Amino acid sequence: MSVAIVLLLLLASAGAIVYPLLPGRTPADQEPTVTDGDIERVVRDLRTARNSDGLLCPQCGKSYQAGDLFCVRCGQDLPQDKPMPLGPVCPSCGAAIEETDQFCAKCGHTIAVGEVA
């Protein structure tokens, strides 16, 4: 009985080795490999998409996002472009306010009647 089990195991292992080598069998499709160049290209595209508004450090040329105060490469102060409000502004800090406001929401300055610029 044990001889029969050993023979069956030998036949099964031999079949497992020989079966992939039979004619007409093609190797399994391999996963496509990703190269370092592919990764660098994708990272470059993501950086370009992230900085589509063209904000560059005036000192070193490194891109930055709106709202950043300092360059991450050279530490240079970055220009802060504040849009000018179209309506009345606080005489203390220049923040946009409504004509009926009594206090500035940004700095807390008391706004007297007729003081609105």
PDB file of N, CA and C in Angstrom:
ATOM      1  N   MET A   1       0.808  -1.189   0.000  1.00  0.00           N
ATOM      2  CA  MET A   1       0.000   0.000   0.000  1.00  0.00           C
ATOM      3  C   MET A   1       0.861   1.267   0.000  1.00  0.00           C
ATOM      4  N   SER A   2       1.910   1.304   0.814  1.00  0.00           N
ATOM      5  CA  SER A   2       2.770   2.476   0.879  1.00  0.00           C
ATOM      6  C   SER A   2       3.548   2.664  -0.421  1.00  0.00           C
ATOM      7  N   VAL A   3       3.855   1.540  -1.117  1.00  0.00           N
ATOM      8  CA  VAL A   3       4.558   1.646  -2.388  1.00  0.00           C
ATOM      9  C   VAL A   3       3.648   2.341  -3.414  1.00  0.00           C
ATOM     10  N   ALA A   4       2.375   2.071  -3.396  1.00  0.00           N
ATOM     11  CA  ALA A   4       1.433   2.682  -4.322  1.00  0.00           C
ATOM     12  C   ALA A   4       1.311   4.189  -4.067  1.00  0.00           C
ATOM     13  N   ILE A   5       1.330   4.577  -2.811  1.00  0.00           N
ATOM     14  CA  ILE A   5       1.242   6.006  -2.462  1.00  0.00           C
ATOM     15  C   ILE A   5       2.503   6.731  -2.928  1.00  0.00           C
ATOM     16  N   VAL A   6       3.661   6.125  -2.751  1.00  0.00           N
ATOM     17  CA  VAL A   6       4.921   6.733  -3.180  1.00  0.00           C
ATOM     18  C   VAL A   6       4.931   6.884  -4.701  1.00  0.00           C
ATOM     19  N   LEU A   7       4.458   5.846  -5.414  1.00  0.00           N
ATOM     20  CA  LEU A   7       4.404   5.927  -6.873  1.00  0.00           C
ATOM     21  C   LEU A   7       3.451   7.028  -7.340  1.00  0.00           C
ATOM     22  N   LEU A   8       2.312   7.163  -6.706  1.00  0.00           N
ATOM     23  CA  LEU A   8       1.371   8.220  -7.063  1.00  0.00           C
ATOM     24  C   LEU A   8       1.969   9.609  -6.814  1.00  0.00           C
ATOM     25  N   LEU A   9       2.682   9.777  -5.724  1.00  0.00           N
ATOM     26  CA  LEU A   9       3.332  11.052  -5.432  1.00  0.00           C
ATOM     27  C   LEU A   9       4.423  11.366  -6.445  1.00  0.00           C
ATOM     28  N   LEU A  10       5.191  10.352  -6.848  1.00  0.00           N
ATOM     29  CA  LEU A  10       6.236  10.544  -7.851  1.00  0.00           C
ATOM     30  C   LEU A  10       5.627  10.941  -9.202  1.00  0.00           C
ATOM     31  N   LEU A  11       4.541  10.245  -9.601  1.00  0.00           N
ATOM     32  CA  LEU A  11       3.886  10.583 -10.863  1.00  0.00           C
ATOM     33  C   LEU A  11       3.302  12.002 -10.826  1.00  0.00           C
ATOM     34  N   ALA A  12       2.711  12.394  -9.700  1.00  0.00           N
ATOM     35  CA  ALA A  12       2.132  13.734  -9.579  1.00  0.00           C
ATOM     36  C   ALA A  12       3.215  14.796  -9.651  1.00  0.00           C
ATOM     37  N   SER A  13       4.350  14.587  -8.981  1.00  0.00           N
ATOM     38  CA  SER A  13       5.427  15.579  -9.017  1.00  0.00           C
ATOM     39  C   SER A  13       6.068  15.639 -10.407  1.00  0.00           C
ATOM     40  N   ALA A  14       6.220  14.485 -11.067  1.00  0.00           N
ATOM     41  CA  ALA A  14       6.778  14.478 -12.419  1.00  0.00           C
ATOM     42  C   ALA A  14       5.826  15.185 -13.378  1.00  0.00           C
ATOM     43  N   GLY A  15       4.538  14.997 -13.229  1.00  0.00           N
ATOM     44  CA  GLY A  15       3.558  15.663 -14.080  1.00  0.00           C
ATOM     45  C   GLY A  15       3.578  17.173 -13.868  1.00  0.00           C
ATOM     46  N   ALA A  16       3.764  17.596 -12.624  1.00  0.00           N
ATOM     47  CA  ALA A  16       3.815  19.027 -12.331  1.00  0.00           C
ATOM     48  C   ALA A  16       5.045  19.678 -12.951  1.00  0.00           C
ATOM     49  N   ILE A  17       6.125  18.910 -13.083  1.00  0.00           N
ATOM     50  CA  ILE A  17       7.344  19.447 -13.676  1.00  0.00           C
ATOM     51  C   ILE A  17       7.259  19.436 -15.202  1.00  0.00           C
ATOM     52  N   VAL A  18       6.715  18.359 -15.785  1.00  0.00           N
ATOM     53  CA  VAL A  18       6.714  18.183 -17.233  1.00  0.00           C
ATOM     54  C   VAL A  18       5.566  18.948 -17.912  1.00  0.00           C
ATOM     55  N   TYR A  19       4.439  19.105 -17.261  1.00  0.00           N
ATOM     56  CA  TYR A  19       3.270  19.694 -17.895  1.00  0.00           C
ATOM     57  C   TYR A  19       3.539  21.082 -18.494  1.00  0.00           C
ATOM     58  N   PRO A  20       4.176  22.016 -17.802  1.00  0.00           N
ATOM     59  CA  PRO A  20       4.433  23.327 -18.424  1.00  0.00           C
ATOM     60  C   PRO A  20       5.384  23.255 -19.618  1.00  0.00           C
ATOM     61  N   LEU A  21       6.168  22.171 -19.731  1.00  0.00           N
ATOM     62  CA  LEU A  21       7.129  22.050 -20.823  1.00  0.00           C
ATOM     63  C   LEU A  21       6.539  21.413 -22.073  1.00  0.00           C
ATOM     64  N   LEU A  22       5.299  20.956 -22.037  1.00  0.00           N
ATOM     65  CA  LEU A  22       4.681  20.309 -23.189  1.00  0.00           C
ATOM     66  C   LEU A  22       4.517  21.304 -24.331  1.00  0.00           C
ATOM     67  N   PRO A  23       4.613  20.846 -25.603  1.00  0.00           N
ATOM     68  CA  PRO A  23       4.449  21.742 -26.743  1.00  0.00           C
ATOM     69  C   PRO A  23       3.058  22.378 -26.748  1.00  0.00           C
ATOM     70  N   GLY A  24       2.998  23.630 -27.225  1.00  0.00           N
ATOM     71  CA  GLY A  24       1.725  24.339 -27.291  1.00  0.00           C
ATOM     72  C   GLY A  24       1.418  25.123 -26.038  1.00  0.00           C
ATOM     73  N   ARG A  25       2.185  24.933 -25.005  1.00  0.00           N
ATOM     74  CA  ARG A  25       1.980  25.687 -23.762  1.00  0.00           C
ATOM     75  C   ARG A  25       2.794  26.971 -23.838  1.00  0.00           C
ATOM     76  N   THR A  26       2.169  28.097 -23.607  1.00  0.00           N
ATOM     77  CA  THR A  26       2.890  29.371 -23.615  1.00  0.00           C
ATOM     78  C   THR A  26       3.089  29.820 -22.178  1.00  0.00           C
ATOM     79  N   PRO A  27       4.169  30.509 -21.927  1.00  0.00           N
ATOM     80  CA  PRO A  27       4.365  30.991 -20.551  1.00  0.00           C
ATOM     81  C   PRO A  27       3.282  32.008 -20.185  1.00  0.00           C
ATOM     82  N   ALA A  28       3.000  32.101 -18.930  1.00  0.00           N
ATOM     83  CA  ALA A  28       1.982  33.040 -18.449  1.00  0.00           C
ATOM     84  C   ALA A  28       2.416  34.463 -18.774  1.00  0.00           C
ATOM     85  N   ASP A  29       1.432  35.314 -19.072  1.00  0.00           N
ATOM     86  CA  ASP A  29       1.736  36.713 -19.348  1.00  0.00           C
ATOM     87  C   ASP A  29       2.349  37.354 -18.109  1.00  0.00           C
ATOM     88  N   GLN A  30       3.447  38.045 -18.323  1.00  0.00           N
ATOM     89  CA  GLN A  30       4.110  38.693 -17.204  1.00  0.00           C
ATOM     90  C   GLN A  30       3.509  40.073 -16.999  1.00  0.00           C
ATOM     91  N   GLU A  31       3.552  40.522 -15.763  1.00  0.00           N
ATOM     92  CA  GLU A  31       3.090  41.863 -15.429  1.00  0.00           C
ATOM     93  C   GLU A  31       4.005  42.876 -16.114  1.00  0.00           C
ATOM     94  N   PRO A  32       3.450  43.950 -16.625  1.00  0.00           N
ATOM     95  CA  PRO A  32       4.322  44.971 -17.215  1.00  0.00           C
ATOM     96  C   PRO A  32       5.198  45.603 -16.129  1.00  0.00           C
ATOM     97  N   THR A  33       6.451  45.839 -16.459  1.00  0.00           N
ATOM     98  CA  THR A  33       7.364  46.411 -15.480  1.00  0.00           C
ATOM     99  C   THR A  33       7.326  47.938 -15.583  1.00  0.00           C
ATOM    100  N   VAL A  34       7.470  48.587 -14.467  1.00  0.00           N
ATOM    101  CA  VAL A  34       7.482  50.043 -14.403  1.00  0.00           C
ATOM    102  C   VAL A  34       8.921  50.475 -14.165  1.00  0.00           C
ATOM    103  N   THR A  35       9.407  51.353 -15.027  1.00  0.00           N
ATOM    104  CA  THR A  35      10.791  51.797 -14.906  1.00  0.00           C
ATOM    105  C   THR A  35      10.864  53.085 -14.088  1.00  0.00           C
ATOM    106  N   ASP A  36      12.070  53.428 -13.677  1.00  0.00           N
ATOM    107  CA  ASP A  36      12.275  54.680 -12.947  1.00  0.00           C
ATOM    108  C   ASP A  36      11.894  55.879 -13.810  1.00  0.00           C
ATOM    109  N   GLY A  37      12.157  55.790 -15.107  1.00  0.00           N
ATOM    110  CA  GLY A  37      11.794  56.870 -16.018  1.00  0.00           C
ATOM    111  C   GLY A  37      10.292  57.088 -16.065  1.00  0.00           C
ATOM    112  N   ASP A  38       9.519  55.988 -16.033  1.00  0.00           N
ATOM    113  CA  ASP A  38       8.057  56.110 -16.022  1.00  0.00           C
ATOM    114  C   ASP A  38       7.586  56.830 -14.757  1.00  0.00           C
ATOM    115  N   ILE A  39       8.178  56.472 -13.625  1.00  0.00           N
ATOM    116  CA  ILE A  39       7.795  57.085 -12.352  1.00  0.00           C
ATOM    117  C   ILE A  39       8.150  58.570 -12.357  1.00  0.00           C
ATOM    118  N   GLU A  40       9.356  58.897 -12.818  1.00  0.00           N
ATOM    119  CA  GLU A  40       9.778  60.301 -12.856  1.00  0.00           C
ATOM    120  C   GLU A  40       8.887  61.118 -13.786  1.00  0.00           C
ATOM    121  N   ARG A  41       8.468  60.544 -14.908  1.00  0.00           N
ATOM    122  CA  ARG A  41       7.598  61.239 -15.844  1.00  0.00           C
ATOM    123  C   ARG A  41       6.237  61.531 -15.204  1.00  0.00           C
ATOM    124  N   VAL A  42       5.693  60.552 -14.488  1.00  0.00           N
ATOM    125  CA  VAL A  42       4.398  60.742 -13.829  1.00  0.00           C
ATOM    126  C   VAL A  42       4.515  61.804 -12.730  1.00  0.00           C
ATOM    127  N   VAL A  43       5.593  61.771 -11.953  1.00  0.00           N
ATOM    128  CA  VAL A  43       5.787  62.768 -10.901  1.00  0.00           C
ATOM    129  C   VAL A  43       5.908  64.165 -11.507  1.00  0.00           C
ATOM    130  N   ARG A  44       6.649  64.293 -12.611  1.00  0.00           N
ATOM    131  CA  ARG A  44       6.799  65.585 -13.283  1.00  0.00           C
ATOM    132  C   ARG A  44       5.446  66.092 -13.774  1.00  0.00           C
ATOM    133  N   ASP A  45       4.627  65.196 -14.345  1.00  0.00           N
ATOM    134  CA  ASP A  45       3.296  65.591 -14.816  1.00  0.00           C
ATOM    135  C   ASP A  45       2.399  66.031 -13.661  1.00  0.00           C
ATOM    136  N   LEU A  46       2.486  65.324 -12.521  1.00  0.00           N
ATOM    137  CA  LEU A  46       1.684  65.700 -11.358  1.00  0.00           C
ATOM    138  C   LEU A  46       2.110  67.057 -10.815  1.00  0.00           C
ATOM    139  N   ARG A  47       3.411  67.315 -10.782  1.00  0.00           N
ATOM    140  CA  ARG A  47       3.890  68.616 -10.313  1.00  0.00           C
ATOM    141  C   ARG A  47       3.435  69.730 -11.238  1.00  0.00           C
ATOM    142  N   THR A  48       3.460  69.469 -12.535  1.00  0.00           N
ATOM    143  CA  THR A  48       3.015  70.471 -13.501  1.00  0.00           C
ATOM    144  C   THR A  48       1.527  70.752 -13.322  1.00  0.00           C
ATOM    145  N   ALA A  49       0.734  69.701 -13.131  1.00  0.00           N
ATOM    146  CA  ALA A  49      -0.707  69.868 -12.941  1.00  0.00           C
ATOM    147  C   ALA A  49      -0.996  70.590 -11.626  1.00  0.00           C
ATOM    148  N   ARG A  50      -0.203  70.306 -10.589  1.00  0.00           N
ATOM    149  CA  ARG A  50      -0.394  70.930  -9.281  1.00  0.00           C
ATOM    150  C   ARG A  50      -0.129  72.426  -9.357  1.00  0.00           C
ATOM    151  N   ASN A  51       0.852  72.802 -10.157  1.00  0.00           N
ATOM    152  CA  ASN A  51       1.249  74.202 -10.237  1.00  0.00           C
ATOM    153  C   ASN A  51       0.846  74.797 -11.577  1.00  0.00           C
ATOM    154  N   SER A  52      -0.412  74.604 -11.948  1.00  0.00           N
ATOM    155  CA  SER A  52      -0.872  75.088 -13.239  1.00  0.00           C
ATOM    156  C   SER A  52      -0.992  76.610 -13.279  1.00  0.00           C
ATOM    157  N   ASP A  53      -1.001  77.273 -12.103  1.00  0.00           N
ATOM    158  CA  ASP A  53      -1.118  78.730 -12.102  1.00  0.00           C
ATOM    159  C   ASP A  53       0.229  79.423 -12.240  1.00  0.00           C
ATOM    160  N   GLY A  54       1.335  78.678 -12.315  1.00  0.00           N
ATOM    161  CA  GLY A  54       2.646  79.241 -12.617  1.00  0.00           C
ATOM    162  C   GLY A  54       3.286  80.019 -11.494  1.00  0.00           C
ATOM    163  N   LEU A  55       3.056  79.664 -10.235  1.00  0.00           N
ATOM    164  CA  LEU A  55       3.684  80.348  -9.121  1.00  0.00           C
ATOM    165  C   LEU A  55       5.087  79.796  -8.924  1.00  0.00           C
ATOM    166  N   LEU A  56       6.088  80.658  -9.108  1.00  0.00           N
ATOM    167  CA  LEU A  56       7.483  80.249  -8.969  1.00  0.00           C
ATOM    168  C   LEU A  56       8.191  81.188  -8.010  1.00  0.00           C
ATOM    169  N   CYS A  57       9.101  80.637  -7.211  1.00  0.00           N
ATOM    170  CA  CYS A  57       9.896  81.433  -6.286  1.00  0.00           C
ATOM    171  C   CYS A  57      10.761  82.404  -7.087  1.00  0.00           C
ATOM    172  N   PRO A  58      10.774  83.693  -6.725  1.00  0.00           N
ATOM    173  CA  PRO A  58      11.589  84.653  -7.467  1.00  0.00           C
ATOM    174  C   PRO A  58      13.083  84.442  -7.270  1.00  0.00           C
ATOM    175  N   GLN A  59      13.491  83.752  -6.209  1.00  0.00           N
ATOM    176  CA  GLN A  59      14.898  83.529  -5.917  1.00  0.00           C
ATOM    177  C   GLN A  59      15.456  82.304  -6.653  1.00  0.00           C
ATOM    178  N   CYS A  60      14.781  81.137  -6.509  1.00  0.00           N
ATOM    179  CA  CYS A  60      15.352  79.888  -7.041  1.00  0.00           C
ATOM    180  C   CYS A  60      14.513  79.241  -8.138  1.00  0.00           C
ATOM    181  N   GLY A  61      13.277  79.696  -8.360  1.00  0.00           N
ATOM    182  CA  GLY A  61      12.446  79.138  -9.416  1.00  0.00           C
ATOM    183  C   GLY A  61      11.640  77.923  -9.024  1.00  0.00           C
ATOM    184  N   LYS A  62      11.680  77.495  -7.768  1.00  0.00           N
ATOM    185  CA  LYS A  62      10.898  76.345  -7.294  1.00  0.00           C
ATOM    186  C   LYS A  62       9.423  76.722  -7.277  1.00  0.00           C
ATOM    187  N   SER A  63       8.557  75.816  -7.721  1.00  0.00           N
ATOM    188  CA  SER A  63       7.125  76.106  -7.735  1.00  0.00           C
ATOM    189  C   SER A  63       6.569  76.050  -6.313  1.00  0.00           C
ATOM    190  N   TYR A  64       5.518  76.827  -6.087  1.00  0.00           N
ATOM    191  CA  TYR A  64       4.851  76.816  -4.793  1.00  0.00           C
ATOM    192  C   TYR A  64       3.357  76.989  -4.990  1.00  0.00           C
ATOM    193  N   GLN A  65       2.609  76.707  -3.934  1.00  0.00           N
ATOM    194  CA  GLN A  65       1.157  76.812  -4.000  1.00  0.00           C
ATOM    195  C   GLN A  65       0.717  78.165  -3.455  1.00  0.00           C
ATOM    196  N   ALA A  66      -0.425  78.622  -3.910  1.00  0.00           N
ATOM    197  CA  ALA A  66      -0.974  79.873  -3.411  1.00  0.00           C
ATOM    198  C   ALA A  66      -1.180  79.759  -1.906  1.00  0.00           C
ATOM    199  N   GLY A  67      -0.780  80.783  -1.188  1.00  0.00           N
ATOM    200  CA  GLY A  67      -0.912  80.785   0.262  1.00  0.00           C
ATOM    201  C   GLY A  67       0.381  80.434   0.982  1.00  0.00           C
ATOM    202  N   ASP A  68       1.366  79.857   0.280  1.00  0.00           N
ATOM    203  CA  ASP A  68       2.651  79.569   0.905  1.00  0.00           C
ATOM    204  C   ASP A  68       3.351  80.881   1.227  1.00  0.00           C
ATOM    205  N   LEU A  69       3.998  80.955   2.388  1.00  0.00           N
ATOM    206  CA  LEU A  69       4.671  82.172   2.792  1.00  0.00           C
ATOM    207  C   LEU A  69       6.170  82.141   2.480  1.00  0.00           C
ATOM    208  N   PHE A  70       6.777  80.927   2.503  1.00  0.00           N
ATOM    209  CA  PHE A  70       8.213  80.793   2.290  1.00  0.00           C
ATOM    210  C   PHE A  70       8.488  79.679   1.294  1.00  0.00           C
ATOM    211  N   CYS A  71       9.572  79.810   0.544  1.00  0.00           N
ATOM    212  CA  CYS A  71       9.989  78.783  -0.409  1.00  0.00           C
ATOM    213  C   CYS A  71      10.558  77.597   0.355  1.00  0.00           C
ATOM    214  N   VAL A  72      10.198  76.385  -0.039  1.00  0.00           N
ATOM    215  CA  VAL A  72      10.691  75.187   0.645  1.00  0.00           C
ATOM    216  C   VAL A  72      12.126  74.858   0.256  1.00  0.00           C
ATOM    217  N   ARG A  73      12.624  75.415  -0.826  1.00  0.00           N
ATOM    218  CA  ARG A  73      13.990  75.133  -1.266  1.00  0.00           C
ATOM    219  C   ARG A  73      14.999  76.130  -0.693  1.00  0.00           C
ATOM    220  N   CYS A  74      14.698  77.440  -0.808  1.00  0.00           N
ATOM    221  CA  CYS A  74      15.694  78.440  -0.414  1.00  0.00           C
ATOM    222  C   CYS A  74      15.276  79.284   0.789  1.00  0.00           C
ATOM    223  N   GLY A  75      14.031  79.201   1.245  1.00  0.00           N
ATOM    224  CA  GLY A  75      13.580  79.955   2.411  1.00  0.00           C
ATOM    225  C   GLY A  75      13.192  81.393   2.119  1.00  0.00           C
ATOM    226  N   GLN A  76      13.220  81.804   0.864  1.00  0.00           N
ATOM    227  CA  GLN A  76      12.887  83.175   0.463  1.00  0.00           C
ATOM    228  C   GLN A  76      11.425  83.481   0.780  1.00  0.00           C
ATOM    229  N   ASP A  77      11.149  84.723   1.240  1.00  0.00           N
ATOM    230  CA  ASP A  77       9.762  85.159   1.396  1.00  0.00           C
ATOM    231  C   ASP A  77       9.096  85.155   0.027  1.00  0.00           C
ATOM    232  N   LEU A  78       7.906  84.605  -0.048  1.00  0.00           N
ATOM    233  CA  LEU A  78       7.193  84.543  -1.319  1.00  0.00           C
ATOM    234  C   LEU A  78       6.233  85.715  -1.436  1.00  0.00           C
ATOM    235  N   PRO A  79       6.037  86.229  -2.639  1.00  0.00           N
ATOM    236  CA  PRO A  79       5.111  87.354  -2.809  1.00  0.00           C
ATOM    237  C   PRO A  79       3.684  86.924  -2.498  1.00  0.00           C
ATOM    238  N   GLN A  80       2.974  87.800  -1.820  1.00  0.00           N
ATOM    239  CA  GLN A  80       1.577  87.537  -1.471  1.00  0.00           C
ATOM    240  C   GLN A  80       0.701  88.484  -2.264  1.00  0.00           C
ATOM    241  N   ASP A  81      -0.023  87.945  -3.202  1.00  0.00           N
ATOM    242  CA  ASP A  81      -0.913  88.762  -4.026  1.00  0.00           C
ATOM    243  C   ASP A  81      -2.301  88.759  -3.405  1.00  0.00           C
ATOM    244  N   LYS A  82      -2.673  89.894  -2.848  1.00  0.00           N
ATOM    245  CA  LYS A  82      -4.011  90.024  -2.277  1.00  0.00           C
ATOM    246  C   LYS A  82      -4.865  90.791  -3.272  1.00  0.00           C
ATOM    247  N   PRO A  83      -5.987  90.232  -3.706  1.00  0.00           N
ATOM    248  CA  PRO A  83      -6.855  90.970  -4.617  1.00  0.00           C
ATOM    249  C   PRO A  83      -7.494  92.149  -3.894  1.00  0.00           C
ATOM    250  N   MET A  84      -7.604  93.249  -4.581  1.00  0.00           N
ATOM    251  CA  MET A  84      -8.237  94.439  -3.999  1.00  0.00           C
ATOM    252  C   MET A  84      -9.742  94.227  -3.953  1.00  0.00           C
ATOM    253  N   PRO A  85     -10.361  94.448  -2.776  1.00  0.00           N
ATOM    254  CA  PRO A  85     -11.811  94.313  -2.698  1.00  0.00           C
ATOM    255  C   PRO A  85     -12.497  95.389  -3.538  1.00  0.00           C
ATOM    256  N   LEU A  86     -13.653  95.050  -4.088  1.00  0.00           N
ATOM    257  CA  LEU A  86     -14.369  95.970  -4.960  1.00  0.00           C
ATOM    258  C   LEU A  86     -15.237  96.960  -4.193  1.00  0.00           C
ATOM    259  N   GLY A  87     -15.666  96.579  -2.984  1.00  0.00           N
ATOM    260  CA  GLY A  87     -16.555  97.442  -2.212  1.00  0.00           C
ATOM    261  C   GLY A  87     -15.795  98.203  -1.137  1.00  0.00           C
ATOM    262  N   PRO A  88     -16.503  98.600  -0.080  1.00  0.00           N
ATOM    263  CA  PRO A  88     -15.865  99.332   1.014  1.00  0.00           C
ATOM    264  C   PRO A  88     -14.856  98.453   1.757  1.00  0.00           C
ATOM    265  N   VAL A  89     -13.832  99.095   2.331  1.00  0.00           N
ATOM    266  CA  VAL A  89     -12.782  98.374   3.052  1.00  0.00           C
ATOM    267  C   VAL A  89     -12.606  98.965   4.438  1.00  0.00           C
ATOM    268  N   CYS A  90     -12.062  98.163   5.337  1.00  0.00           N
ATOM    269  CA  CYS A  90     -11.770  98.602   6.700  1.00  0.00           C
ATOM    270  C   CYS A  90     -10.631  99.624   6.651  1.00  0.00           C
ATOM    271  N   PRO A  91     -10.770 100.767   7.323  1.00  0.00           N
ATOM    272  CA  PRO A  91      -9.702 101.763   7.311  1.00  0.00           C
ATOM    273  C   PRO A  91      -8.462 101.311   8.083  1.00  0.00           C
ATOM    274  N   SER A  92      -8.591 100.292   8.930  1.00  0.00           N
ATOM    275  CA  SER A  92      -7.460  99.825   9.718  1.00  0.00           C
ATOM    276  C   SER A  92      -6.624  98.776   8.990  1.00  0.00           C
ATOM    277  N   CYS A  93      -7.298  97.729   8.456  1.00  0.00           N
ATOM    278  CA  CYS A  93      -6.536  96.617   7.859  1.00  0.00           C
ATOM    279  C   CYS A  93      -6.763  96.449   6.357  1.00  0.00           C
ATOM    280  N   GLY A  94      -7.777  97.090   5.783  1.00  0.00           N
ATOM    281  CA  GLY A  94      -8.024  97.000   4.351  1.00  0.00           C
ATOM    282  C   GLY A  94      -8.872  95.816   3.931  1.00  0.00           C
ATOM    283  N   ALA A  95      -9.440  95.098   4.884  1.00  0.00           N
ATOM    284  CA  ALA A  95     -10.296  93.955   4.552  1.00  0.00           C
ATOM    285  C   ALA A  95     -11.640  94.440   4.028  1.00  0.00           C
ATOM    286  N   ALA A  96     -12.259  93.621   3.187  1.00  0.00           N
ATOM    287  CA  ALA A  96     -13.567  93.970   2.632  1.00  0.00           C
ATOM    288  C   ALA A  96     -14.620  93.917   3.737  1.00  0.00           C
ATOM    289  N   ILE A  97     -15.473  94.930   3.747  1.00  0.00           N
ATOM    290  CA  ILE A  97     -16.565  94.984   4.725  1.00  0.00           C
ATOM    291  C   ILE A  97     -17.842  95.408   4.009  1.00  0.00           C
ATOM    292  N   GLU A  98     -18.950  95.272   4.693  1.00  0.00           N
ATOM    293  CA  GLU A  98     -20.235  95.747   4.196  1.00  0.00           C
ATOM    294  C   GLU A  98     -20.458  97.160   4.726  1.00  0.00           C
ATOM    295  N   GLU A  99     -21.270  97.944   4.037  1.00  0.00           N
ATOM    296  CA  GLU A  99     -21.520  99.319   4.457  1.00  0.00           C
ATOM    297  C   GLU A  99     -22.237  99.396   5.797  1.00  0.00           C
ATOM    298  N   THR A 100     -22.967  98.342   6.153  1.00  0.00           N
ATOM    299  CA  THR A 100     -23.723  98.344   7.407  1.00  0.00           C
ATOM    300  C   THR A 100     -22.935  97.754   8.573  1.00  0.00           C
ATOM    301  N   ASP A 101     -21.698  97.284   8.347  1.00  0.00           N
ATOM    302  CA  ASP A 101     -20.901  96.683   9.419  1.00  0.00           C
ATOM    303  C   ASP A 101     -20.481  97.750  10.421  1.00  0.00           C
ATOM    304  N   GLN A 102     -20.475  97.374  11.692  1.00  0.00           N
ATOM    305  CA  GLN A 102     -20.027  98.283  12.742  1.00  0.00           C
ATOM    306  C   GLN A 102     -18.625  97.929  13.218  1.00  0.00           C
ATOM    307  N   PHE A 103     -18.196  96.681  12.943  1.00  0.00           N
ATOM    308  CA  PHE A 103     -16.857  96.222  13.310  1.00  0.00           C
ATOM    309  C   PHE A 103     -16.268  95.439  12.144  1.00  0.00           C
ATOM    310  N   CYS A 104     -14.965  95.479  12.030  1.00  0.00           N
ATOM    311  CA  CYS A 104     -14.269  94.683  11.006  1.00  0.00           C
ATOM    312  C   CYS A 104     -14.160  93.250  11.495  1.00  0.00           C
ATOM    313  N   ALA A 105     -14.496  92.286  10.638  1.00  0.00           N
ATOM    314  CA  ALA A 105     -14.431  90.874  11.010  1.00  0.00           C
ATOM    315  C   ALA A 105     -12.991  90.377  11.076  1.00  0.00           C
ATOM    316  N   LYS A 106     -12.060  91.045  10.418  1.00  0.00           N
ATOM    317  CA  LYS A 106     -10.659  90.597  10.387  1.00  0.00           C
ATOM    318  C   LYS A 106      -9.846  91.144  11.557  1.00  0.00           C
ATOM    319  N   CYS A 107      -9.983  92.441  11.845  1.00  0.00           N
ATOM    320  CA  CYS A 107      -9.132  93.035  12.880  1.00  0.00           C
ATOM    321  C   CYS A 107      -9.921  93.547  14.093  1.00  0.00           C
ATOM    322  N   GLY A 108     -11.242  93.614  14.005  1.00  0.00           N
ATOM    323  CA  GLY A 108     -12.058  94.058  15.131  1.00  0.00           C
ATOM    324  C   GLY A 108     -12.164  95.569  15.279  1.00  0.00           C
ATOM    325  N   HIS A 109     -11.631  96.310  14.323  1.00  0.00           N
ATOM    326  CA  HIS A 109     -11.675  97.780  14.379  1.00  0.00           C
ATOM    327  C   HIS A 109     -13.121  98.263  14.368  1.00  0.00           C
ATOM    328  N   THR A 110     -13.420  99.230  15.221  1.00  0.00           N
ATOM    329  CA  THR A 110     -14.756  99.833  15.249  1.00  0.00           C
ATOM    330  C   THR A 110     -14.884 100.770  14.060  1.00  0.00           C
ATOM    331  N   ILE A 111     -15.950 100.598  13.309  1.00  0.00           N
ATOM    332  CA  ILE A 111     -16.157 101.401  12.108  1.00  0.00           C
ATOM    333  C   ILE A 111     -17.252 102.416  12.393  1.00  0.00           C
ATOM    334  N   ALA A 112     -16.858 103.686  12.382  1.00  0.00           N
ATOM    335  CA  ALA A 112     -17.821 104.769  12.648  1.00  0.00           C
ATOM    336  C   ALA A 112     -18.619 105.039  11.382  1.00  0.00           C
ATOM    337  N   VAL A 113     -19.757 105.618  11.543  1.00  0.00           N
ATOM    338  CA  VAL A 113     -20.606 105.974  10.394  1.00  0.00           C
ATOM    339  C   VAL A 113     -19.855 106.991   9.545  1.00  0.00           C
ATOM    340  N   GLY A 114     -19.769 106.768   8.253  1.00  0.00           N
ATOM    341  CA  GLY A 114     -19.088 107.671   7.338  1.00  0.00           C
ATOM    342  C   GLY A 114     -17.579 107.429   7.258  1.00  0.00           C
ATOM    343  N   GLU A 115     -17.035 106.509   8.051  1.00  0.00           N
ATOM    344  CA  GLU A 115     -15.603 106.212   8.036  1.00  0.00           C
ATOM    345  C   GLU A 115     -15.238 105.223   6.952  1.00  0.00           C
ATOM    346  N   VAL A 116     -16.224 104.543   6.396  1.00  0.00           N
ATOM    347  CA  VAL A 116     -15.985 103.513   5.400  1.00  0.00           C
ATOM    348  C   VAL A 116     -15.409 104.146   4.155  1.00  0.00           C
ATOM    349  N   ALA A 117     -14.293 103.571   3.684  1.00  0.00           N
ATOM    350  CA  ALA A 117     -13.625 104.100   2.486  1.00  0.00           C
ATOM    351  C   ALA A 117     -14.173 103.463   1.245  1.00  0.00           C
TER     352      ALA A 117
END
